[in-house]
Protein backbone atom coordinates (compact mmCIF):
# COMPACT_ATOMS: atom_id res chain seq x y z
CA MET A 1 -84.46 44.05 -114.31
CA ASN A 2 -87.65 43.54 -116.99
CA VAL A 3 -86.25 44.84 -120.50
CA ASP A 4 -89.80 45.10 -121.56
CA ASP A 5 -90.71 47.24 -119.01
CA PRO A 6 -91.14 51.17 -120.28
CA ILE A 7 -88.71 53.92 -119.18
CA LEU A 8 -90.98 55.86 -116.54
CA VAL A 9 -88.28 58.60 -115.15
CA GLU A 10 -85.81 60.62 -117.08
CA VAL A 11 -83.05 62.21 -114.93
CA TRP A 12 -82.01 65.22 -117.18
CA ARG A 13 -78.22 66.90 -116.49
CA GLY A 14 -78.44 70.52 -118.33
CA PRO A 15 -79.80 69.65 -121.94
CA LEU A 16 -79.32 66.03 -122.06
CA ILE A 17 -80.77 62.79 -120.71
CA GLU A 18 -78.12 61.39 -118.00
CA SER A 19 -79.85 58.26 -116.37
CA ARG A 20 -83.11 56.54 -117.05
CA HIS A 21 -85.20 54.14 -114.97
CA ARG A 22 -87.46 51.67 -116.31
CA GLY A 23 -90.76 50.30 -113.99
CA ALA A 24 -93.79 49.19 -113.72
CA VAL A 25 -97.31 50.55 -112.55
CA ALA A 26 -100.73 48.88 -111.26
CA VAL A 27 -103.36 51.02 -110.11
CA ALA A 28 -106.66 48.96 -109.57
CA LYS A 29 -110.10 49.30 -107.86
CA ALA A 30 -111.27 46.94 -104.86
CA ASP A 31 -113.21 44.69 -106.97
CA GLY A 32 -109.85 44.25 -108.86
CA ARG A 33 -110.76 46.07 -111.91
CA ASN A 34 -107.42 47.69 -113.44
CA VAL A 35 -107.30 51.16 -113.63
CA LEU A 36 -103.65 51.61 -115.55
CA ALA A 37 -101.22 48.88 -115.95
CA VAL A 38 -97.94 49.66 -116.99
CA GLY A 39 -95.09 47.20 -117.79
CA ASP A 40 -95.07 43.64 -116.18
CA VAL A 41 -97.72 43.96 -113.32
CA ALA A 42 -98.34 40.49 -113.26
CA ALA A 43 -94.64 39.65 -112.19
CA PRO A 44 -93.90 38.69 -108.44
CA VAL A 45 -92.25 41.52 -106.84
CA PHE A 46 -90.94 41.80 -103.18
CA PRO A 47 -93.03 44.66 -101.50
CA ARG A 48 -90.93 45.40 -98.69
CA SER A 49 -91.98 47.88 -96.35
CA ALA A 50 -94.66 49.26 -98.53
CA ILE A 51 -97.02 46.71 -97.16
CA LYS A 52 -96.60 47.55 -93.22
CA ALA A 53 -100.00 49.02 -93.08
CA LEU A 54 -101.41 45.73 -94.55
CA GLN A 55 -98.76 44.05 -91.78
CA ALA A 56 -100.50 45.74 -88.83
CA LEU A 57 -103.86 45.03 -89.79
CA ALA A 58 -103.77 41.93 -87.19
CA LEU A 59 -102.62 44.09 -84.58
CA VAL A 60 -105.86 46.42 -84.82
CA GLU A 61 -108.27 43.84 -85.78
CA SER A 62 -107.29 41.13 -82.89
CA GLY A 63 -107.79 43.43 -79.89
CA ALA A 64 -104.49 43.80 -79.65
CA ALA A 65 -103.83 47.91 -80.21
CA ASP A 66 -106.75 48.41 -78.21
CA ARG A 67 -105.49 46.07 -75.19
CA TYR A 68 -102.53 47.96 -74.56
CA GLY A 69 -103.56 51.25 -75.25
CA PHE A 70 -102.12 52.32 -78.49
CA GLY A 71 -103.15 55.67 -79.92
CA GLU A 72 -102.68 56.94 -83.09
CA GLU A 73 -98.98 57.74 -82.44
CA GLU A 74 -98.37 53.96 -81.96
CA LEU A 75 -100.58 52.81 -84.57
CA ALA A 76 -98.63 54.94 -86.85
CA LEU A 77 -95.60 54.19 -85.67
CA SER A 78 -96.64 50.45 -86.20
CA CYS A 79 -96.94 51.06 -90.27
CA SER A 80 -93.50 53.12 -90.30
CA SER A 81 -90.17 53.01 -91.69
CA HIS A 82 -89.15 55.91 -89.53
CA SER A 83 -86.25 57.74 -89.62
CA GLY A 84 -84.89 57.12 -86.07
CA GLU A 85 -85.09 60.71 -84.73
CA PRO A 86 -85.66 60.83 -80.85
CA ALA A 87 -89.66 60.91 -80.36
CA HIS A 88 -89.30 57.99 -82.90
CA VAL A 89 -87.07 56.47 -80.63
CA GLU A 90 -89.38 57.45 -77.60
CA GLY A 91 -92.47 56.48 -79.12
CA VAL A 92 -91.09 52.52 -79.90
CA THR A 93 -89.91 52.64 -76.23
CA ARG A 94 -93.52 53.65 -74.87
CA MET A 95 -94.62 51.10 -77.44
CA LEU A 96 -92.77 48.16 -75.59
CA ALA A 97 -93.24 49.95 -72.18
CA LYS A 98 -96.71 48.77 -72.47
CA ILE A 99 -96.48 45.81 -73.16
CA GLY A 100 -93.61 45.12 -70.36
CA LEU A 101 -90.89 44.88 -72.67
CA ASP A 102 -87.74 46.71 -73.66
CA ALA A 103 -85.54 46.93 -76.56
CA SER A 104 -83.92 43.70 -75.94
CA ALA A 105 -87.21 42.09 -77.17
CA LEU A 106 -86.40 43.64 -80.77
CA SER A 107 -85.17 41.22 -83.56
CA CYS A 108 -85.12 43.77 -86.15
CA GLY A 109 -81.20 44.18 -85.48
CA ALA A 110 -79.79 47.81 -84.79
CA HIS A 111 -78.81 50.55 -87.88
CA TRP A 112 -78.07 54.46 -87.69
CA PRO A 113 -80.80 56.42 -87.69
CA MET A 114 -81.50 57.61 -91.25
CA ASN A 115 -81.96 61.30 -90.19
CA GLN A 116 -78.80 62.94 -90.62
CA ALA A 117 -79.09 65.08 -87.56
CA ALA A 118 -80.13 62.35 -85.27
CA ALA A 119 -77.25 60.18 -86.61
CA PHE A 120 -74.82 63.05 -85.76
CA ALA A 121 -76.10 63.51 -82.71
CA LEU A 122 -76.01 60.03 -81.48
CA ALA A 123 -72.78 59.85 -82.96
CA LYS A 124 -71.73 62.07 -79.99
CA THR A 125 -72.78 60.06 -77.16
CA GLY A 126 -73.07 55.88 -78.24
CA ALA A 127 -73.92 53.91 -80.90
CA PRO A 128 -77.74 52.65 -82.49
CA SER A 129 -79.60 49.87 -81.03
CA ALA A 130 -82.72 48.19 -82.70
CA LEU A 131 -84.62 51.09 -81.28
CA HIS A 132 -83.54 53.07 -83.87
CA ASN A 133 -84.07 50.68 -86.86
CA ASN A 134 -86.70 52.18 -89.05
CA CYS A 135 -88.54 48.96 -88.81
CA SER A 136 -88.71 48.93 -84.84
CA GLY A 137 -92.31 50.14 -84.79
CA LYS A 138 -93.30 47.68 -86.95
CA HIS A 139 -91.34 44.64 -84.86
CA ALA A 140 -93.15 46.68 -81.72
CA GLY A 141 -96.31 45.80 -83.34
CA PHE A 142 -95.48 42.29 -83.89
CA LEU A 143 -94.50 41.89 -80.00
CA CYS A 144 -97.96 43.03 -78.84
CA LEU A 145 -100.12 40.75 -81.10
CA ALA A 146 -98.00 38.15 -79.98
CA CYS A 147 -98.48 39.10 -76.38
CA ALA A 148 -101.83 39.77 -76.92
CA ILE A 149 -102.80 36.25 -78.47
CA GLY A 150 -100.56 34.30 -75.89
CA VAL A 151 -98.49 32.94 -78.04
CA GLY A 152 -95.19 33.81 -76.72
CA VAL A 153 -92.67 36.46 -78.02
CA ALA A 154 -89.71 34.06 -78.67
CA GLY A 155 -88.90 33.76 -82.55
CA TYR A 156 -91.78 35.95 -83.49
CA TRP A 157 -89.90 37.05 -86.64
CA GLN A 158 -90.07 33.94 -87.97
CA PRO A 159 -92.31 32.59 -90.34
CA GLU A 160 -93.68 29.72 -88.71
CA HIS A 161 -94.33 31.67 -85.79
CA PRO A 162 -98.39 32.11 -85.19
CA VAL A 163 -97.92 36.18 -85.53
CA GLN A 164 -96.13 35.44 -89.12
CA ARG A 165 -98.51 33.22 -89.78
CA LYS A 166 -101.60 35.49 -89.30
CA VAL A 167 -99.63 38.27 -91.17
CA ARG A 168 -99.21 35.73 -94.10
CA SER A 169 -103.25 35.42 -93.80
CA VAL A 170 -104.00 38.86 -94.17
CA LEU A 171 -101.65 39.48 -97.01
CA GLU A 172 -103.11 36.31 -98.84
CA ASP A 173 -106.97 37.86 -98.16
CA LEU A 174 -106.26 41.54 -99.19
CA THR A 175 -103.83 40.38 -102.61
CA GLY A 176 -105.87 37.48 -103.30
CA THR A 177 -103.04 34.99 -104.37
CA ALA A 178 -101.58 32.15 -102.39
CA LEU A 179 -97.94 32.60 -100.78
CA PRO A 180 -96.74 29.14 -100.97
CA PRO A 181 -92.88 29.02 -99.44
CA GLU A 182 -91.06 29.71 -102.45
CA ARG A 183 -92.34 33.15 -102.45
CA CYS A 184 -90.82 33.89 -99.24
CA ALA A 185 -87.83 35.96 -98.39
CA ILE A 186 -85.96 37.62 -95.83
CA ASP A 187 -86.70 41.51 -95.63
CA GLY A 188 -83.57 43.59 -93.82
CA CYS A 189 -85.32 43.50 -90.32
CA SER A 190 -85.53 39.73 -90.72
CA VAL A 191 -89.11 39.44 -91.08
CA PRO A 192 -90.80 37.30 -93.85
CA THR A 193 -91.62 39.33 -97.26
CA TRP A 194 -93.36 37.72 -99.82
CA ALA A 195 -92.91 38.11 -103.36
CA ILE A 196 -96.89 39.53 -104.91
CA PRO A 197 -97.63 40.71 -108.21
CA LEU A 198 -97.94 44.62 -108.61
CA GLN A 199 -101.66 44.17 -109.99
CA ASN A 200 -102.43 42.16 -106.87
CA LEU A 201 -100.71 44.63 -104.63
CA ALA A 202 -102.64 47.59 -106.06
CA HIS A 203 -105.89 45.39 -105.56
CA ALA A 204 -105.13 44.92 -101.81
CA PHE A 205 -104.53 48.70 -101.25
CA ALA A 206 -107.59 49.60 -102.87
CA LYS A 207 -109.38 47.01 -100.45
CA PHE A 208 -107.43 48.31 -97.58
CA GLY A 209 -108.24 52.37 -99.11
CA THR A 210 -112.14 51.57 -98.96
CA GLY A 211 -112.81 48.68 -96.64
CA ASN A 212 -114.60 47.40 -99.61
CA GLY A 213 -114.00 43.57 -100.07
CA LEU A 214 -112.88 43.11 -96.39
CA SER A 215 -114.65 41.70 -93.39
CA ARG A 216 -116.37 44.50 -91.04
CA GLU A 217 -113.58 43.63 -88.50
CA ARG A 218 -110.90 44.39 -91.05
CA ALA A 219 -112.25 47.42 -92.89
CA VAL A 220 -112.41 49.09 -89.27
CA ALA A 221 -108.97 48.20 -88.66
CA ALA A 222 -107.75 49.58 -91.82
CA ALA A 223 -109.78 52.50 -91.50
CA ARG A 224 -108.12 53.56 -88.03
CA LEU A 225 -104.97 52.72 -89.59
CA ARG A 226 -105.44 55.17 -92.20
CA ALA A 227 -106.90 58.00 -89.56
CA ALA A 228 -103.73 57.22 -87.58
CA CYS A 229 -101.11 57.87 -90.16
CA ALA A 230 -102.79 60.59 -91.51
CA ALA A 231 -103.18 62.21 -88.18
CA GLU A 232 -99.46 61.71 -87.39
CA PRO A 233 -97.31 61.32 -90.70
CA TRP A 234 -94.20 62.35 -89.05
CA HIS A 235 -94.25 59.27 -87.29
CA VAL A 236 -94.97 57.01 -90.53
CA ALA A 237 -91.31 58.54 -92.08
CA GLY A 238 -89.97 61.50 -90.90
CA THR A 239 -88.71 65.01 -91.18
CA GLY A 240 -88.32 66.23 -94.83
CA ARG A 241 -89.15 62.54 -96.04
CA PHE A 242 -92.04 62.54 -99.27
CA CYS A 243 -94.16 60.12 -97.27
CA THR A 244 -94.42 62.37 -94.22
CA GLU A 245 -94.43 65.66 -96.55
CA VAL A 246 -97.20 64.04 -99.19
CA MET A 247 -99.49 62.68 -96.57
CA LYS A 248 -99.53 66.18 -94.53
CA LEU A 249 -100.27 67.89 -97.58
CA LEU A 250 -103.03 65.78 -98.24
CA GLY A 251 -104.40 64.10 -95.38
CA ALA A 252 -106.62 61.42 -95.13
CA ARG A 253 -107.22 61.45 -99.22
CA ALA A 254 -104.08 59.50 -99.75
CA PHE A 255 -102.60 56.81 -98.09
CA ILE A 256 -98.77 55.90 -99.22
CA LYS A 257 -95.89 54.17 -98.10
CA THR A 258 -92.25 53.56 -99.48
CA GLY A 259 -90.15 50.34 -99.34
CA ALA A 260 -86.89 49.28 -100.49
CA GLU A 261 -85.46 48.43 -104.03
CA GLY A 262 -87.93 50.97 -105.63
CA ILE A 263 -91.13 49.82 -104.14
CA PHE A 264 -94.10 52.12 -103.62
CA CYS A 265 -97.84 51.50 -102.44
CA GLY A 266 -100.57 53.57 -101.43
CA ALA A 267 -104.48 54.33 -101.82
CA LEU A 268 -106.42 57.24 -102.45
CA PRO A 269 -109.44 56.12 -100.67
CA GLY A 270 -111.98 58.72 -102.37
CA GLU A 271 -110.96 57.55 -105.73
CA GLY A 272 -111.54 53.89 -104.59
CA ILE A 273 -108.23 52.91 -106.15
CA GLY A 274 -104.79 51.43 -105.11
CA ILE A 275 -101.13 52.22 -106.29
CA ALA A 276 -98.38 50.34 -106.84
CA VAL A 277 -94.87 50.96 -108.52
CA LYS A 278 -91.73 49.07 -108.79
CA CYS A 279 -88.63 50.57 -110.45
CA ASP A 280 -86.48 48.19 -112.09
CA ASP A 281 -83.40 49.70 -110.77
CA GLY A 282 -84.22 49.89 -107.11
CA ALA A 283 -84.18 53.86 -107.93
CA GLY A 284 -86.49 55.06 -104.67
CA ARG A 285 -85.84 58.88 -106.07
CA ALA A 286 -87.68 57.80 -109.09
CA ALA A 287 -90.06 55.79 -107.36
CA GLU A 288 -91.02 58.81 -105.41
CA ALA A 289 -91.67 61.28 -108.83
CA ILE A 290 -93.80 58.26 -109.99
CA MET A 291 -95.99 58.14 -106.99
CA ALA A 292 -96.26 61.81 -106.78
CA ALA A 293 -97.36 61.95 -110.93
CA LEU A 294 -100.01 59.40 -110.07
CA ILE A 295 -101.22 61.37 -107.37
CA ALA A 296 -101.57 64.50 -109.49
CA ARG A 297 -103.26 62.46 -112.16
CA PHE A 298 -106.30 60.35 -110.06
CA LEU A 299 -106.41 62.96 -107.12
CA PRO A 300 -108.46 66.00 -107.68
CA LEU A 301 -106.35 68.89 -106.10
CA ASP A 302 -106.82 72.64 -105.56
CA ALA A 303 -103.72 74.95 -107.08
CA ALA A 304 -102.27 75.22 -104.05
CA GLU A 305 -101.82 71.39 -103.75
CA ARG A 306 -100.84 70.69 -107.14
CA ALA A 307 -98.05 73.58 -107.09
CA ALA A 308 -96.93 71.75 -103.79
CA LEU A 309 -97.12 68.49 -105.15
CA SER A 310 -95.10 69.58 -108.34
CA ARG A 311 -91.80 69.69 -106.60
CA PHE A 312 -92.08 66.12 -106.41
CA VAL A 313 -93.36 65.21 -109.41
CA ARG A 314 -90.46 67.02 -111.11
CA PRO A 315 -87.26 67.32 -108.57
CA THR A 316 -84.82 69.72 -109.08
CA LEU A 317 -81.35 68.28 -108.68
CA ARG A 318 -78.68 70.93 -107.29
CA ASN A 319 -74.71 70.13 -106.90
CA TRP A 320 -73.11 71.04 -103.42
CA ASN A 321 -73.05 74.77 -103.94
CA GLY A 322 -76.87 74.64 -104.52
CA ILE A 323 -76.56 75.76 -108.12
CA GLU A 324 -79.43 73.71 -110.26
CA VAL A 325 -78.08 71.24 -112.38
CA GLY A 326 -80.87 69.09 -113.60
CA ALA A 327 -84.41 67.49 -113.19
CA LEU A 328 -86.18 63.84 -112.74
CA ARG A 329 -88.91 64.22 -115.45
CA VAL A 330 -91.78 61.28 -115.33
CA THR A 331 -92.48 60.37 -119.04
CA ASP A 332 -95.47 60.76 -120.90
CA VAL A 333 -96.30 56.95 -120.13
CA LEU A 334 -97.78 58.23 -116.99
CA VAL A 335 -99.23 61.79 -117.38
């Protein structure tokens, strides 16, 4: 944790502050200009699942998605951290079937669905498989790319595999920074995760959101992925999830994606900016409030949209009896 990072979110219980979340925020234009820099935005951080859309670019620009007939649902799933609900599982199963594979090809590991109702239903009939892993859509996309370019699927998740080398090249291009082996770690789903400064991540998402600074093929691929996620936001996350609800509200005007340990990335294409957020203590609830506040700050909203977004900017805390006991408040550093 960087003790010099400012407090970005306060957690109030009744009249007193109960907890505080420090962090850093970068907002940038596609040409690399910083619009906002709060905290240490030059320190490398692991973006985890927040960059799944960038990892999916090779799937589209290579022609692999078209070769296997992937539509908007499949493209959204390739960018997703889905909740493991039945339609998510069915969608990933369909992606694998289109390339002649099944769940046994996935190397992401298994965990229970993130959606509580789906987990309870599954517990009555069996146990989770790799299809329920929130990263299974991304892995299905990697497998599709491996099949399309004829490199074989064995070890597709390892850093030295051609699929992961392509992904690394895309990340280096968009972030404008080299990714040497010493910046590589292993993500929860076993693929490489690369430590990248927030300022570079914000720059990358500004390019992803606008196409500026990208090759024609890459810009077209980015636009397709953004359109798919805007059309199918439920497939990016799931029922009641922050990413789904905000993209349902704002459509193509905002692309956002969460990652583990308090990371969030996004793009506001019409405003030409990319956003990267990191909560030092890994708090996802704080990262969501920060992202909502930044959207409210930089994206023109009508009264109804602003009111709808306010429940994420300042979420209410309730106890098990439904009694309001407090709230999260984004500090004046960001508003």
